[in-house]
C-alpha atoms as a PDB file:
ATOM      1  CA  MET A   1      26.338 -18.887  65.905  1.00  0.00           C
ATOM      2  CA  LEU A   2      25.544 -17.684  62.502  1.00  0.00           C
ATOM      3  CA  LEU A   3      24.491 -14.091  62.245  1.00  0.00           C
ATOM      4  CA  VAL A   4      22.235 -13.283  59.350  1.00  0.00           C
ATOM      5  CA  SER A   5      22.024  -9.689  58.460  1.00  0.00           C
ATOM      6  CA  ARG A   6      18.880  -8.627  56.726  1.00  0.00           C
ATOM      7  CA  GLN A   7      19.465  -6.147  53.996  1.00  0.00           C
ATOM      8  CA  ASN A   8      17.054  -4.537  51.632  1.00  0.00           C
ATOM      9  CA  THR A   9      17.320  -6.546  48.408  1.00  0.00           C
ATOM     10  CA  GLU A  10      15.478  -3.953  46.325  1.00  0.00           C
ATOM     11  CA  PRO A  11      17.674  -1.472  44.489  1.00  0.00           C
ATOM     12  CA  ASP A  12      17.498   2.129  45.533  1.00  0.00           C
ATOM     13  CA  LEU A  13      15.580   3.706  42.660  1.00  0.00           C
ATOM     14  CA  PRO A  14      13.978   7.088  42.864  1.00  0.00           C
ATOM     15  CA  VAL A  15      10.215   7.034  42.857  1.00  0.00           C
ATOM     16  CA  LEU A  16       8.931   8.344  39.559  1.00  0.00           C
ATOM     17  CA  SER A  17       6.127  10.801  39.647  1.00  0.00           C
ATOM     18  CA  ARG A  18       3.302   9.700  37.408  1.00  0.00           C
ATOM     19  CA  ASN A  19       1.781  12.255  35.154  1.00  0.00           C
ATOM     20  CA  PHE A  20      -1.231  10.403  33.829  1.00  0.00           C
ATOM     21  CA  LEU A  21      -2.277  13.180  31.450  1.00  0.00           C
ATOM     22  CA  VAL A  22       1.019  13.001  29.580  1.00  0.00           C
ATOM     23  CA  THR A  23       0.938   9.209  29.627  1.00  0.00           C
ATOM     24  CA  ARG A  24      -2.587   9.188  28.221  1.00  0.00           C
ATOM     25  CA  ARG A  25      -1.618  11.625  25.443  1.00  0.00           C
ATOM     26  CA  VAL A  26       1.428   9.576  24.523  1.00  0.00           C
ATOM     27  CA  LEU A  27      -0.652   6.417  24.385  1.00  0.00           C
ATOM     28  CA  ALA A  28      -3.281   8.170  22.262  1.00  0.00           C
ATOM     29  CA  VAL A  29      -0.597   9.330  19.820  1.00  0.00           C
ATOM     30  CA  VAL A  30       0.878   5.836  19.659  1.00  0.00           C
ATOM     31  CA  LEU A  31      -2.588   4.378  19.044  1.00  0.00           C
ATOM     32  CA  VAL A  32      -3.297   6.845  16.242  1.00  0.00           C
ATOM     33  CA  LEU A  33       0.078   6.140  14.648  1.00  0.00           C
ATOM     34  CA  ALA A  34      -0.440   2.394  15.015  1.00  0.00           C
ATOM     35  CA  VAL A  35      -3.612   2.746  12.960  1.00  0.00           C
ATOM     36  CA  LEU A  36      -2.565   5.425  10.455  1.00  0.00           C
ATOM     37  CA  VAL A  37       0.856   4.097   9.456  1.00  0.00           C
ATOM     38  CA  PRO A  38      -0.429   0.699   8.226  1.00  0.00           C
ATOM     39  CA  LEU A  39      -3.398   2.398   6.550  1.00  0.00           C
ATOM     40  CA  GLY A  40      -1.018   4.765   4.789  1.00  0.00           C
ATOM     41  CA  CYS A  41       1.099   1.855   3.601  1.00  0.00           C
ATOM     42  CA  VAL A  42      -1.939  -0.019   2.309  1.00  0.00           C
ATOM     43  CA  ALA A  43      -3.278   3.116   0.590  1.00  0.00           C
ATOM     44  CA  GLY A  44       0.079   3.770  -1.069  1.00  0.00           C
ATOM     45  CA  TYR A  45       0.353   0.176  -2.247  1.00  0.00           C
ATOM     46  CA  GLU A  46      -3.213   0.292  -3.577  1.00  0.00           C
ATOM     47  CA  TYR A  47      -2.538   3.527  -5.483  1.00  0.00           C
ATOM     48  CA  PHE A  48       0.618   2.241  -7.167  1.00  0.00           C
ATOM     49  CA  ASP A  49      -0.994  -1.132  -7.884  1.00  0.00           C
ATOM     50  CA  ASP A  50      -3.974   0.661  -9.447  1.00  0.00           C
ATOM     51  CA  GLN A  51      -1.633   2.729 -11.630  1.00  0.00           C
ATOM     52  CA  ARG A  52       0.220  -0.409 -12.717  1.00  0.00           C
ATOM     53  CA  ARG A  53      -2.995  -2.254 -13.534  1.00  0.00           C
ATOM     54  CA  SER A  54      -4.332   0.734 -15.448  1.00  0.00           C
ATOM     55  CA  ALA A  55      -1.149   0.924 -17.537  1.00  0.00           C
ATOM     56  CA  ASP A  56      -1.272  -2.849 -18.189  1.00  0.00           C
ATOM     57  CA  THR A  57      -4.912  -2.595 -19.236  1.00  0.00           C
ATOM     58  CA  SER A  58      -4.151   0.267 -21.604  1.00  0.00           C
ATOM     59  CA  ASP A  59      -1.342  -1.762 -23.176  1.00  0.00           C
ATOM     60  CA  VAL A  60      -3.616  -4.770 -23.683  1.00  0.00           C
ATOM     61  CA  VAL A  61      -6.371  -2.622 -25.206  1.00  0.00           C
ATOM     62  CA  ASP A  62      -3.910  -0.915 -27.561  1.00  0.00           C
ATOM     63  CA  ARG A  63      -2.568  -4.298 -28.661  1.00  0.00           C
ATOM     64  CA  LEU A  64      -6.093  -5.624 -29.257  1.00  0.00           C
ATOM     65  CA  ILE A  65      -6.961  -2.539 -31.306  1.00  0.00           C
ATOM     66  CA  ARG A  66      -3.901  -3.030 -33.514  1.00  0.00           C
ATOM     67  CA  VAL A  67      -4.708  -6.711 -33.977  1.00  0.00           C
ATOM     68  CA  ALA A  68      -8.339  -5.923 -34.852  1.00  0.00           C
ATOM     69  CA  GLN A  69      -7.368  -3.142 -37.287  1.00  0.00           C
ATOM     70  CA  GLU A  70      -5.204  -5.413 -39.443  1.00  0.00           C
ATOM     71  CA  PRO A  71      -8.051  -7.672 -40.635  1.00  0.00           C
ATOM     72  CA  ALA A  72     -10.374  -4.677 -40.885  1.00  0.00           C
ATOM     73  CA  LEU A  73      -7.926  -2.874 -43.187  1.00  0.00           C
ATOM     74  CA  LYS A  74      -7.578  -6.012 -45.305  1.00  0.00           C
ATOM     75  CA  ILE A  75     -11.367  -6.192 -45.673  1.00  0.00           C
ATOM     76  CA  VAL A  76     -11.571  -2.494 -46.594  1.00  0.00           C
ATOM     77  CA  ASP A  77      -8.790  -2.932 -49.171  1.00  0.00           C
ATOM     78  CA  MET A  78     -10.507  -6.040 -50.571  1.00  0.00           C
ATOM     79  CA  ASN A  79     -13.835  -4.210 -50.846  1.00  0.00           C
ATOM     80  CA  SER A  80     -12.208  -1.315 -52.699  1.00  0.00           C
ATOM     81  CA  GLU A  81     -10.550  -3.756 -55.142  1.00  0.00           C
ATOM     82  CA  ILE A  82     -13.847  -5.557 -55.700  1.00  0.00           C
ATOM     83  CA  ARG A  83     -15.588  -2.231 -56.450  1.00  0.00           C
ATOM     84  CA  ARG A  84     -12.877  -1.283 -58.956  1.00  0.00           C
ATOM     85  CA  SER A  85     -13.133  -4.584 -60.763  1.00  0.00           C
ATOM     86  CA  CYS A  86     -16.927  -4.425 -61.139  1.00  0.00           C
END
């Protein structure tokens, strides 16, 4: 005859006491961090992108002003020469 011994197949682990207040606080902190960390990253990216775009815009405006001043100075010089000759 075959004797089958029945043994408990579950490991002997101590039963953990559940402190739901601490668990709820930890989950609340994790939730807040899960929202604030990505928002902080997006806000930081937006700030630096805004600074970069502002600097690029200033460069373009300065370049356009220099380009517009060249013909304007030529016209002013031409007008002064015309006045002298008349």
